[in-house]
Amino acid sequence: MAKEIANVKTSHDDLKPGMTVRVYQKIKELNAKGEEKERVQYYEGMIMAKRHGKEAGVTITVRKISDGVGVEKIFPLNLPTITKIEIKKQAKVRRAKLFYLRDYNKRLKEKIIA
């Protein structure tokens, strides 16, 4: 399965902390009749950390604020259910791990990637 990153088939080296991304993932559900149904759901947030650089088990931690509550999700990038990753914005950051954003209430300076 080939994955798309920013609508272009490239490696995961393009993903960096501070990027706002939209991760599309296939989800299987059961409807009222008990039939299995598959749909694509996206999760949009900022990458806080990227772990295991160029290994097979590379993961990204994505954080978003949902109804005033911070939600973090860890995505293994080699997951077969991930269909594509779109890069929306890039914030100006100086660190590799952005865990300080959990307590940081201000917005970061960002540039929109077309």
PDB file of N, CA and C in Angstrom:
ATOM      1  N   MET A   1       0.833  -1.190   0.000  1.00  0.00           N
ATOM      2  CA  MET A   1       0.000   0.000   0.000  1.00  0.00           C
ATOM      3  C   MET A   1       0.869   1.240   0.000  1.00  0.00           C
ATOM      4  N   ALA A   2       0.675   2.070  -0.956  1.00  0.00           N
ATOM      5  CA  ALA A   2       1.423   3.330  -1.009  1.00  0.00           C
ATOM      6  C   ALA A   2       0.651   4.395  -0.258  1.00  0.00           C
ATOM      7  N   LYS A   3       1.353   5.158   0.546  1.00  0.00           N
ATOM      8  CA  LYS A   3       0.714   6.224   1.302  1.00  0.00           C
ATOM      9  C   LYS A   3       0.998   7.553   0.642  1.00  0.00           C
ATOM     10  N   GLU A   4       0.089   8.497   0.823  1.00  0.00           N
ATOM     11  CA  GLU A   4       0.290   9.829   0.284  1.00  0.00           C
ATOM     12  C   GLU A   4       0.587  10.770   1.430  1.00  0.00           C
ATOM     13  N   ILE A   5       1.591  11.585   1.256  1.00  0.00           N
ATOM     14  CA  ILE A   5       1.896  12.634   2.219  1.00  0.00           C
ATOM     15  C   ILE A   5       1.846  13.937   1.446  1.00  0.00           C
ATOM     16  N   ALA A   6       0.956  14.804   1.838  1.00  0.00           N
ATOM     17  CA  ALA A   6       0.751  16.093   1.161  1.00  0.00           C
ATOM     18  C   ALA A   6       0.419  15.876  -0.311  1.00  0.00           C
ATOM     19  N   ASN A   7      -0.406  14.865  -0.568  1.00  0.00           N
ATOM     20  CA  ASN A   7      -0.888  14.524  -1.912  1.00  0.00           C
ATOM     21  C   ASN A   7       0.232  14.121  -2.854  1.00  0.00           C
ATOM     22  N   VAL A   8       1.413  13.832  -2.349  1.00  0.00           N
ATOM     23  CA  VAL A   8       2.534  13.386  -3.169  1.00  0.00           C
ATOM     24  C   VAL A   8       3.127  12.167  -2.483  1.00  0.00           C
ATOM     25  N   LYS A   9       3.439  11.136  -3.247  1.00  0.00           N
ATOM     26  CA  LYS A   9       4.022   9.944  -2.652  1.00  0.00           C
ATOM     27  C   LYS A   9       5.489  10.214  -2.339  1.00  0.00           C
ATOM     28  N   THR A  10       5.789  10.426  -1.074  1.00  0.00           N
ATOM     29  CA  THR A  10       7.151  10.676  -0.622  1.00  0.00           C
ATOM     30  C   THR A  10       7.388   9.888   0.656  1.00  0.00           C
ATOM     31  N   SER A  11       8.569  10.046   1.231  1.00  0.00           N
ATOM     32  CA  SER A  11       8.881   9.338   2.466  1.00  0.00           C
ATOM     33  C   SER A  11       8.347  10.120   3.659  1.00  0.00           C
ATOM     34  N   HIS A  12       8.518   9.544   4.832  1.00  0.00           N
ATOM     35  CA  HIS A  12       8.029  10.182   6.055  1.00  0.00           C
ATOM     36  C   HIS A  12       8.999  11.239   6.570  1.00  0.00           C
ATOM     37  N   ASP A  13      10.071  11.486   5.821  1.00  0.00           N
ATOM     38  CA  ASP A  13      11.045  12.487   6.254  1.00  0.00           C
ATOM     39  C   ASP A  13      10.462  13.895   6.199  1.00  0.00           C
ATOM     40  N   ASP A  14       9.372  14.085   5.439  1.00  0.00           N
ATOM     41  CA  ASP A  14       8.769  15.410   5.315  1.00  0.00           C
ATOM     42  C   ASP A  14       8.054  15.839   6.587  1.00  0.00           C
ATOM     43  N   LEU A  15       7.654  14.892   7.426  1.00  0.00           N
ATOM     44  CA  LEU A  15       6.904  15.223   8.634  1.00  0.00           C
ATOM     45  C   LEU A  15       7.850  15.702   9.719  1.00  0.00           C
ATOM     46  N   LYS A  16       7.516  16.871  10.303  1.00  0.00           N
ATOM     47  CA  LYS A  16       8.355  17.464  11.343  1.00  0.00           C
ATOM     48  C   LYS A  16       7.479  17.960  12.482  1.00  0.00           C
ATOM     49  N   PRO A  17       8.011  18.044  13.692  1.00  0.00           N
ATOM     50  CA  PRO A  17       7.252  18.625  14.792  1.00  0.00           C
ATOM     51  C   PRO A  17       6.895  20.075  14.484  1.00  0.00           C
ATOM     52  N   GLY A  18       5.693  20.472  14.879  1.00  0.00           N
ATOM     53  CA  GLY A  18       5.209  21.812  14.601  1.00  0.00           C
ATOM     54  C   GLY A  18       4.304  21.874  13.389  1.00  0.00           C
ATOM     55  N   MET A  19       4.258  20.805  12.606  1.00  0.00           N
ATOM     56  CA  MET A  19       3.379  20.782  11.439  1.00  0.00           C
ATOM     57  C   MET A  19       1.957  20.440  11.867  1.00  0.00           C
ATOM     58  N   THR A  20       0.999  21.145  11.285  1.00  0.00           N
ATOM     59  CA  THR A  20      -0.398  20.784  11.453  1.00  0.00           C
ATOM     60  C   THR A  20      -0.750  19.851  10.307  1.00  0.00           C
ATOM     61  N   VAL A  21      -1.167  18.647  10.650  1.00  0.00           N
ATOM     62  CA  VAL A  21      -1.430  17.626   9.645  1.00  0.00           C
ATOM     63  C   VAL A  21      -2.852  17.091   9.799  1.00  0.00           C
ATOM     64  N   ARG A  22      -3.319  16.478   8.729  1.00  0.00           N
ATOM     65  CA  ARG A  22      -4.605  15.797   8.727  1.00  0.00           C
ATOM     66  C   ARG A  22      -4.316  14.346   8.352  1.00  0.00           C
ATOM     67  N   VAL A  23      -4.537  13.417   9.303  1.00  0.00           N
ATOM     68  CA  VAL A  23      -4.255  12.002   9.106  1.00  0.00           C
ATOM     69  C   VAL A  23      -5.564  11.291   8.782  1.00  0.00           C
ATOM     70  N   TYR A  24      -5.647  10.705   7.579  1.00  0.00           N
ATOM     71  CA  TYR A  24      -6.834   9.974   7.155  1.00  0.00           C
ATOM     72  C   TYR A  24      -6.651   8.505   7.490  1.00  0.00           C
ATOM     73  N   GLN A  25      -7.657   7.928   8.179  1.00  0.00           N
ATOM     74  CA  GLN A  25      -7.556   6.546   8.628  1.00  0.00           C
ATOM     75  C   GLN A  25      -8.856   5.804   8.324  1.00  0.00           C
ATOM     76  N   LYS A  26      -8.734   4.565   7.834  1.00  0.00           N
ATOM     77  CA  LYS A  26      -9.909   3.729   7.562  1.00  0.00           C
ATOM     78  C   LYS A  26     -10.415   3.148   8.869  1.00  0.00           C
ATOM     79  N   ILE A  27     -11.757   3.197   9.049  1.00  0.00           N
ATOM     80  CA  ILE A  27     -12.373   2.675  10.268  1.00  0.00           C
ATOM     81  C   ILE A  27     -13.464   1.692   9.863  1.00  0.00           C
ATOM     82  N   LYS A  28     -13.480   0.520  10.480  1.00  0.00           N
ATOM     83  CA  LYS A  28     -14.523  -0.462  10.225  1.00  0.00           C
ATOM     84  C   LYS A  28     -15.559  -0.362  11.340  1.00  0.00           C
ATOM     85  N   GLU A  29     -16.845  -0.316  10.934  1.00  0.00           N
ATOM     86  CA  GLU A  29     -17.933  -0.224  11.898  1.00  0.00           C
ATOM     87  C   GLU A  29     -18.985  -1.272  11.570  1.00  0.00           C
ATOM     88  N   LEU A  30     -19.795  -1.592  12.567  1.00  0.00           N
ATOM     89  CA  LEU A  30     -20.946  -2.455  12.357  1.00  0.00           C
ATOM     90  C   LEU A  30     -22.190  -1.585  12.355  1.00  0.00           C
ATOM     91  N   ASN A  31     -23.048  -1.739  11.334  1.00  0.00           N
ATOM     92  CA  ASN A  31     -24.287  -0.973  11.317  1.00  0.00           C
ATOM     93  C   ASN A  31     -25.360  -1.729  12.101  1.00  0.00           C
ATOM     94  N   ALA A  32     -26.611  -1.237  12.085  1.00  0.00           N
ATOM     95  CA  ALA A  32     -27.693  -1.821  12.881  1.00  0.00           C
ATOM     96  C   ALA A  32     -27.987  -3.269  12.487  1.00  0.00           C
ATOM     97  N   LYS A  33     -27.771  -3.599  11.226  1.00  0.00           N
ATOM     98  CA  LYS A  33     -28.050  -4.963  10.756  1.00  0.00           C
ATOM     99  C   LYS A  33     -26.898  -5.928  11.043  1.00  0.00           C
ATOM    100  N   GLY A  34     -25.803  -5.411  11.563  1.00  0.00           N
ATOM    101  CA  GLY A  34     -24.661  -6.262  11.854  1.00  0.00           C
ATOM    102  C   GLY A  34     -23.690  -6.385  10.703  1.00  0.00           C
ATOM    103  N   GLU A  35     -23.897  -5.604   9.655  1.00  0.00           N
ATOM    104  CA  GLU A  35     -22.990  -5.631   8.508  1.00  0.00           C
ATOM    105  C   GLU A  35     -21.799  -4.739   8.769  1.00  0.00           C
ATOM    106  N   GLU A  36     -20.644  -5.171   8.278  1.00  0.00           N
ATOM    107  CA  GLU A  36     -19.427  -4.389   8.458  1.00  0.00           C
ATOM    108  C   GLU A  36     -19.346  -3.308   7.392  1.00  0.00           C
ATOM    109  N   LYS A  37     -19.080  -2.092   7.841  1.00  0.00           N
ATOM    110  CA  LYS A  37     -19.011  -0.949   6.934  1.00  0.00           C
ATOM    111  C   LYS A  37     -17.678  -0.261   7.147  1.00  0.00           C
ATOM    112  N   GLU A  38     -17.043   0.193   6.071  1.00  0.00           N
ATOM    113  CA  GLU A  38     -15.741   0.847   6.172  1.00  0.00           C
ATOM    114  C   GLU A  38     -15.852   2.288   5.706  1.00  0.00           C
ATOM    115  N   ARG A  39     -15.274   3.197   6.480  1.00  0.00           N
ATOM    116  CA  ARG A  39     -15.268   4.613   6.106  1.00  0.00           C
ATOM    117  C   ARG A  39     -13.923   5.207   6.465  1.00  0.00           C
ATOM    118  N   VAL A  40     -13.663   6.405   5.925  1.00  0.00           N
ATOM    119  CA  VAL A  40     -12.403   7.096   6.198  1.00  0.00           C
ATOM    120  C   VAL A  40     -12.693   8.266   7.125  1.00  0.00           C
ATOM    121  N   GLN A  41     -11.942   8.331   8.198  1.00  0.00           N
ATOM    122  CA  GLN A  41     -12.096   9.412   9.175  1.00  0.00           C
ATOM    123  C   GLN A  41     -10.760  10.114   9.308  1.00  0.00           C
ATOM    124  N   TYR A  42     -10.783  11.445   9.440  1.00  0.00           N
ATOM    125  CA  TYR A  42      -9.505  12.140   9.596  1.00  0.00           C
ATOM    126  C   TYR A  42      -9.364  12.722  10.994  1.00  0.00           C
ATOM    127  N   TYR A  43      -8.114  12.895  11.395  1.00  0.00           N
ATOM    128  CA  TYR A  43      -7.749  13.456  12.696  1.00  0.00           C
ATOM    129  C   TYR A  43      -6.765  14.574  12.396  1.00  0.00           C
ATOM    130  N   GLU A  44      -7.146  15.801  12.741  1.00  0.00           N
ATOM    131  CA  GLU A  44      -6.303  16.949  12.412  1.00  0.00           C
ATOM    132  C   GLU A  44      -5.734  17.556  13.687  1.00  0.00           C
ATOM    133  N   GLY A  45      -4.424  17.772  13.692  1.00  0.00           N
ATOM    134  CA  GLY A  45      -3.778  18.366  14.842  1.00  0.00           C
ATOM    135  C   GLY A  45      -2.313  18.647  14.539  1.00  0.00           C
ATOM    136  N   MET A  46      -1.585  19.081  15.571  1.00  0.00           N
ATOM    137  CA  MET A  46      -0.178  19.432  15.410  1.00  0.00           C
ATOM    138  C   MET A  46       0.707  18.272  15.849  1.00  0.00           C
ATOM    139  N   ILE A  47       1.751  18.029  15.078  1.00  0.00           N
ATOM    140  CA  ILE A  47       2.718  16.984  15.440  1.00  0.00           C
ATOM    141  C   ILE A  47       3.556  17.490  16.606  1.00  0.00           C
ATOM    142  N   MET A  48       3.517  16.754  17.718  1.00  0.00           N
ATOM    143  CA  MET A  48       4.311  17.132  18.891  1.00  0.00           C
ATOM    144  C   MET A  48       5.655  16.418  18.902  1.00  0.00           C
ATOM    145  N   ALA A  49       5.677  15.190  18.397  1.00  0.00           N
ATOM    146  CA  ALA A  49       6.911  14.411  18.440  1.00  0.00           C
ATOM    147  C   ALA A  49       6.918  13.410  17.303  1.00  0.00           C
ATOM    148  N   LYS A  50       8.110  13.127  16.837  1.00  0.00           N
ATOM    149  CA  LYS A  50       8.318  12.058  15.860  1.00  0.00           C
ATOM    150  C   LYS A  50       9.379  11.143  16.455  1.00  0.00           C
ATOM    151  N   ARG A  51       9.058   9.853  16.531  1.00  0.00           N
ATOM    152  CA  ARG A  51       9.975   8.919  17.176  1.00  0.00           C
ATOM    153  C   ARG A  51      10.442   7.850  16.206  1.00  0.00           C
ATOM    154  N   HIS A  52      11.607   7.314  16.450  1.00  0.00           N
ATOM    155  CA  HIS A  52      12.214   6.213  15.699  1.00  0.00           C
ATOM    156  C   HIS A  52      12.485   6.609  14.254  1.00  0.00           C
ATOM    157  N   GLY A  53      13.014   7.795  14.064  1.00  0.00           N
ATOM    158  CA  GLY A  53      13.395   8.406  12.797  1.00  0.00           C
ATOM    159  C   GLY A  53      13.235   7.645  11.514  1.00  0.00           C
ATOM    160  N   LYS A  54      14.210   6.809  11.146  1.00  0.00           N
ATOM    161  CA  LYS A  54      14.167   6.129   9.859  1.00  0.00           C
ATOM    162  C   LYS A  54      13.924   4.626  10.013  1.00  0.00           C
ATOM    163  N   GLU A  55      13.516   4.187  11.201  1.00  0.00           N
ATOM    164  CA  GLU A  55      13.246   2.773  11.440  1.00  0.00           C
ATOM    165  C   GLU A  55      11.889   2.385  10.856  1.00  0.00           C
ATOM    166  N   ALA A  56      11.579   1.105  10.926  1.00  0.00           N
ATOM    167  CA  ALA A  56      10.296   0.614  10.421  1.00  0.00           C
ATOM    168  C   ALA A  56       9.146   1.038  11.336  1.00  0.00           C
ATOM    169  N   GLY A  57       9.418   1.231  12.614  1.00  0.00           N
ATOM    170  CA  GLY A  57       8.361   1.558  13.577  1.00  0.00           C
ATOM    171  C   GLY A  57       8.231   3.033  13.873  1.00  0.00           C
ATOM    172  N   VAL A  58       8.373   3.882  12.868  1.00  0.00           N
ATOM    173  CA  VAL A  58       8.306   5.327  13.078  1.00  0.00           C
ATOM    174  C   VAL A  58       6.883   5.725  13.480  1.00  0.00           C
ATOM    175  N   THR A  59       6.763   6.582  14.513  1.00  0.00           N
ATOM    176  CA  THR A  59       5.466   7.051  14.992  1.00  0.00           C
ATOM    177  C   THR A  59       5.470   8.573  15.108  1.00  0.00           C
ATOM    178  N   ILE A  60       4.277   9.161  15.012  1.00  0.00           N
ATOM    179  CA  ILE A  60       4.117  10.591  15.287  1.00  0.00           C
ATOM    180  C   ILE A  60       3.035  10.743  16.346  1.00  0.00           C
ATOM    181  N   THR A  61       3.224  11.733  17.223  1.00  0.00           N
ATOM    182  CA  THR A  61       2.221  12.075  18.220  1.00  0.00           C
ATOM    183  C   THR A  61       1.531  13.340  17.755  1.00  0.00           C
ATOM    184  N   VAL A  62       0.212  13.272  17.560  1.00  0.00           N
ATOM    185  CA  VAL A  62      -0.570  14.393  17.057  1.00  0.00           C
ATOM    186  C   VAL A  62      -1.500  14.866  18.166  1.00  0.00           C
ATOM    187  N   ARG A  63      -1.524  16.187  18.404  1.00  0.00           N
ATOM    188  CA  ARG A  63      -2.343  16.766  19.471  1.00  0.00           C
ATOM    189  C   ARG A  63      -3.331  17.756  18.890  1.00  0.00           C
ATOM    190  N   LYS A  64      -4.563  17.678  19.373  1.00  0.00           N
ATOM    191  CA  LYS A  64      -5.572  18.658  19.007  1.00  0.00           C
ATOM    192  C   LYS A  64      -6.378  19.031  20.244  1.00  0.00           C
ATOM    193  N   ILE A  65      -7.076  20.154  20.173  1.00  0.00           N
ATOM    194  CA  ILE A  65      -7.942  20.593  21.255  1.00  0.00           C
ATOM    195  C   ILE A  65      -9.372  20.312  20.814  1.00  0.00           C
ATOM    196  N   SER A  66     -10.088  19.489  21.568  1.00  0.00           N
ATOM    197  CA  SER A  66     -11.460  19.127  21.244  1.00  0.00           C
ATOM    198  C   SER A  66     -12.364  19.533  22.403  1.00  0.00           C
ATOM    199  N   ASP A  67     -13.231  20.518  22.162  1.00  0.00           N
ATOM    200  CA  ASP A  67     -14.142  21.055  23.187  1.00  0.00           C
ATOM    201  C   ASP A  67     -13.384  21.512  24.432  1.00  0.00           C
ATOM    202  N   GLY A  68     -12.244  22.145  24.227  1.00  0.00           N
ATOM    203  CA  GLY A  68     -11.464  22.676  25.339  1.00  0.00           C
ATOM    204  C   GLY A  68     -10.608  21.648  26.048  1.00  0.00           C
ATOM    205  N   VAL A  69     -10.589  20.418  25.571  1.00  0.00           N
ATOM    206  CA  VAL A  69      -9.791  19.351  26.178  1.00  0.00           C
ATOM    207  C   VAL A  69      -8.728  18.927  25.180  1.00  0.00           C
ATOM    208  N   GLY A  70      -7.481  18.844  25.615  1.00  0.00           N
ATOM    209  CA  GLY A  70      -6.400  18.405  24.743  1.00  0.00           C
ATOM    210  C   GLY A  70      -6.448  16.897  24.536  1.00  0.00           C
ATOM    211  N   VAL A  71      -6.370  16.460  23.274  1.00  0.00           N
ATOM    212  CA  VAL A  71      -6.408  15.039  22.938  1.00  0.00           C
ATOM    213  C   VAL A  71      -5.162  14.717  22.128  1.00  0.00           C
ATOM    214  N   GLU A  72      -4.414  13.707  22.550  1.00  0.00           N
ATOM    215  CA  GLU A  72      -3.216  13.280  21.830  1.00  0.00           C
ATOM    216  C   GLU A  72      -3.419  11.862  21.320  1.00  0.00           C
ATOM    217  N   LYS A  73      -2.948  11.628  20.108  1.00  0.00           N
ATOM    218  CA  LYS A  73      -3.063  10.311  19.510  1.00  0.00           C
ATOM    219  C   LYS A  73      -1.729   9.961  18.873  1.00  0.00           C
ATOM    220  N   ILE A  74      -1.283   8.719  19.051  1.00  0.00           N
ATOM    221  CA  ILE A  74      -0.018   8.266  18.487  1.00  0.00           C
ATOM    222  C   ILE A  74      -0.329   7.404  17.269  1.00  0.00           C
ATOM    223  N   PHE A  75       0.241   7.790  16.121  1.00  0.00           N
ATOM    224  CA  PHE A  75       0.019   7.067  14.876  1.00  0.00           C
ATOM    225  C   PHE A  75       1.306   6.377  14.432  1.00  0.00           C
ATOM    226  N   PRO A  76       1.342   5.044  14.356  1.00  0.00           N
ATOM    227  CA  PRO A  76       2.444   4.378  13.670  1.00  0.00           C
ATOM    228  C   PRO A  76       2.271   4.643  12.172  1.00  0.00           C
ATOM    229  N   LEU A  77       3.272   5.179  11.515  1.00  0.00           N
ATOM    230  CA  LEU A  77       3.118   5.583  10.128  1.00  0.00           C
ATOM    231  C   LEU A  77       3.053   4.418   9.160  1.00  0.00           C
ATOM    232  N   ASN A  78       3.466   3.227   9.594  1.00  0.00           N
ATOM    233  CA  ASN A  78       3.376   2.058   8.731  1.00  0.00           C
ATOM    234  C   ASN A  78       2.072   1.297   8.934  1.00  0.00           C
ATOM    235  N   LEU A  79       1.107   1.904   9.614  1.00  0.00           N
ATOM    236  CA  LEU A  79      -0.193   1.290   9.842  1.00  0.00           C
ATOM    237  C   LEU A  79      -0.934   1.139   8.514  1.00  0.00           C
ATOM    238  N   PRO A  80      -1.443  -0.044   8.192  1.00  0.00           N
ATOM    239  CA  PRO A  80      -2.116  -0.209   6.903  1.00  0.00           C
ATOM    240  C   PRO A  80      -3.423   0.558   6.791  1.00  0.00           C
ATOM    241  N   THR A  81      -4.023   0.971   7.911  1.00  0.00           N
ATOM    242  CA  THR A  81      -5.292   1.697   7.851  1.00  0.00           C
ATOM    243  C   THR A  81      -5.122   3.176   7.537  1.00  0.00           C
ATOM    244  N   ILE A  82      -3.903   3.701   7.646  1.00  0.00           N
ATOM    245  CA  ILE A  82      -3.672   5.110   7.308  1.00  0.00           C
ATOM    246  C   ILE A  82      -3.602   5.219   5.787  1.00  0.00           C
ATOM    247  N   THR A  83      -4.532   5.999   5.204  1.00  0.00           N
ATOM    248  CA  THR A  83      -4.575   6.107   3.752  1.00  0.00           C
ATOM    249  C   THR A  83      -3.743   7.278   3.249  1.00  0.00           C
ATOM    250  N   LYS A  84      -3.811   8.431   3.924  1.00  0.00           N
ATOM    251  CA  LYS A  84      -2.972   9.556   3.494  1.00  0.00           C
ATOM    252  C   LYS A  84      -2.794  10.539   4.637  1.00  0.00           C
ATOM    253  N   ILE A  85      -1.752  11.358   4.511  1.00  0.00           N
ATOM    254  CA  ILE A  85      -1.447  12.408   5.487  1.00  0.00           C
ATOM    255  C   ILE A  85      -1.272  13.699   4.714  1.00  0.00           C
ATOM    256  N   GLU A  86      -2.091  14.697   5.036  1.00  0.00           N
ATOM    257  CA  GLU A  86      -1.995  16.012   4.395  1.00  0.00           C
ATOM    258  C   GLU A  86      -1.316  16.974   5.340  1.00  0.00           C
ATOM    259  N   ILE A  87      -0.379  17.745   4.824  1.00  0.00           N
ATOM    260  CA  ILE A  87       0.291  18.772   5.615  1.00  0.00           C
ATOM    261  C   ILE A  87      -0.430  20.083   5.366  1.00  0.00           C
ATOM    262  N   LYS A  88      -0.915  20.723   6.441  1.00  0.00           N
ATOM    263  CA  LYS A  88      -1.684  21.964   6.317  1.00  0.00           C
ATOM    264  C   LYS A  88      -0.831  23.200   6.582  1.00  0.00           C
ATOM    265  N   LYS A  89      -0.126  23.212   7.729  1.00  0.00           N
ATOM    266  CA  LYS A  89       0.658  24.385   8.125  1.00  0.00           C
ATOM    267  C   LYS A  89       1.967  23.925   8.737  1.00  0.00           C
ATOM    268  N   GLN A  90       2.898  24.861   8.843  1.00  0.00           N
ATOM    269  CA  GLN A  90       4.178  24.602   9.517  1.00  0.00           C
ATOM    270  C   GLN A  90       4.414  25.739  10.504  1.00  0.00           C
ATOM    271  N   ALA A  91       4.523  25.411  11.778  1.00  0.00           N
ATOM    272  CA  ALA A  91       4.795  26.414  12.805  1.00  0.00           C
ATOM    273  C   ALA A  91       6.294  26.573  12.977  1.00  0.00           C
ATOM    274  N   LYS A  92       6.695  27.739  13.437  1.00  0.00           N
ATOM    275  CA  LYS A  92       8.112  27.996  13.697  1.00  0.00           C
ATOM    276  C   LYS A  92       8.446  27.449  15.080  1.00  0.00           C
ATOM    277  N   VAL A  93       9.231  26.381  15.128  1.00  0.00           N
ATOM    278  CA  VAL A  93       9.626  25.770  16.394  1.00  0.00           C
ATOM    279  C   VAL A  93      11.122  25.528  16.389  1.00  0.00           C
ATOM    280  N   ARG A  94      11.691  25.424  17.586  1.00  0.00           N
ATOM    281  CA  ARG A  94      13.135  25.220  17.714  1.00  0.00           C
ATOM    282  C   ARG A  94      13.475  23.909  18.401  1.00  0.00           C
ATOM    283  N   ARG A  95      12.467  23.111  18.721  1.00  0.00           N
ATOM    284  CA  ARG A  95      12.706  21.878  19.459  1.00  0.00           C
ATOM    285  C   ARG A  95      12.208  20.667  18.684  1.00  0.00           C
ATOM    286  N   ALA A  96      12.736  19.512  19.023  1.00  0.00           N
ATOM    287  CA  ALA A  96      12.334  18.277  18.365  1.00  0.00           C
ATOM    288  C   ALA A  96      11.093  17.676  19.026  1.00  0.00           C
ATOM    289  N   LYS A  97      10.892  17.914  20.311  1.00  0.00           N
ATOM    290  CA  LYS A  97       9.728  17.418  21.037  1.00  0.00           C
ATOM    291  C   LYS A  97       9.002  18.620  21.628  1.00  0.00           C
ATOM    292  N   LEU A  98       7.726  18.764  21.315  1.00  0.00           N
ATOM    293  CA  LEU A  98       6.970  19.955  21.695  1.00  0.00           C
ATOM    294  C   LEU A  98       6.015  19.684  22.852  1.00  0.00           C
ATOM    295  N   PHE A  99       6.464  18.955  23.858  1.00  0.00           N
ATOM    296  CA  PHE A  99       5.583  18.606  24.971  1.00  0.00           C
ATOM    297  C   PHE A  99       5.239  19.818  25.823  1.00  0.00           C
ATOM    298  N   TYR A 100       5.958  20.916  25.671  1.00  0.00           N
ATOM    299  CA  TYR A 100       5.631  22.125  26.408  1.00  0.00           C
ATOM    300  C   TYR A 100       4.304  22.720  25.932  1.00  0.00           C
ATOM    301  N   LEU A 101       3.803  22.292  24.784  1.00  0.00           N
ATOM    302  CA  LEU A 101       2.529  22.811  24.274  1.00  0.00           C
ATOM    303  C   LEU A 101       1.346  22.376  25.135  1.00  0.00           C
ATOM    304  N   ARG A 102       1.538  21.350  25.967  1.00  0.00           N
ATOM    305  CA  ARG A 102       0.461  20.913  26.865  1.00  0.00           C
ATOM    306  C   ARG A 102       0.087  22.012  27.851  1.00  0.00           C
ATOM    307  N   ASP A 103       1.059  22.814  28.269  1.00  0.00           N
ATOM    308  CA  ASP A 103       0.815  23.879  29.236  1.00  0.00           C
ATOM    309  C   ASP A 103       0.875  25.259  28.613  1.00  0.00           C
ATOM    310  N   TYR A 104       1.138  25.352  27.328  1.00  0.00           N
ATOM    311  CA  TYR A 104       1.348  26.621  26.625  1.00  0.00           C
ATOM    312  C   TYR A 104       0.015  27.084  26.051  1.00  0.00           C
ATOM    313  N   ASN A 105      -0.416  28.307  26.380  1.00  0.00           N
ATOM    314  CA  ASN A 105      -1.736  28.757  25.977  1.00  0.00           C
ATOM    315  C   ASN A 105      -1.722  29.699  24.784  1.00  0.00           C
ATOM    316  N   LYS A 106      -0.542  30.088  24.314  1.00  0.00           N
ATOM    317  CA  LYS A 106      -0.462  31.001  23.183  1.00  0.00           C
ATOM    318  C   LYS A 106      -0.373  30.227  21.876  1.00  0.00           C
ATOM    319  N   ARG A 107      -0.587  30.921  20.763  1.00  0.00           N
ATOM    320  CA  ARG A 107      -0.479  30.291  19.449  1.00  0.00           C
ATOM    321  C   ARG A 107       0.935  30.471  18.924  1.00  0.00           C
ATOM    322  N   LEU A 108       1.375  29.515  18.124  1.00  0.00           N
ATOM    323  CA  LEU A 108       2.698  29.589  17.517  1.00  0.00           C
ATOM    324  C   LEU A 108       2.593  30.306  16.174  1.00  0.00           C
ATOM    325  N   LYS A 109       3.691  30.939  15.758  1.00  0.00           N
ATOM    326  CA  LYS A 109       3.721  31.560  14.436  1.00  0.00           C
ATOM    327  C   LYS A 109       3.728  30.472  13.377  1.00  0.00           C
ATOM    328  N   GLU A 110       2.851  30.613  12.388  1.00  0.00           N
ATOM    329  CA  GLU A 110       2.711  29.558  11.376  1.00  0.00           C
ATOM    330  C   GLU A 110       2.759  30.140   9.974  1.00  0.00           C
ATOM    331  N   LYS A 111       3.178  29.283   9.050  1.00  0.00           N
ATOM    332  CA  LYS A 111       3.069  29.639   7.645  1.00  0.00           C
ATOM    333  C   LYS A 111       2.257  28.550   6.960  1.00  0.00           C
ATOM    334  N   ILE A 112       1.357  28.951   6.071  1.00  0.00           N
ATOM    335  CA  ILE A 112       0.482  28.011   5.388  1.00  0.00           C
ATOM    336  C   ILE A 112       1.214  27.416   4.206  1.00  0.00           C
ATOM    337  N   ILE A 113       1.163  26.112   4.072  1.00  0.00           N
ATOM    338  CA  ILE A 113       1.808  25.406   2.974  1.00  0.00           C
ATOM    339  C   ILE A 113       0.755  25.168   1.903  1.00  0.00           C
ATOM    340  N   ALA A 114       1.007  25.680   0.719  1.00  0.00           N
ATOM    341  CA  ALA A 114       0.003  25.555  -0.355  1.00  0.00           C
ATOM    342  C   ALA A 114       0.091  24.204  -1.032  1.00  0.00           C
TER     343      ALA A 114
END
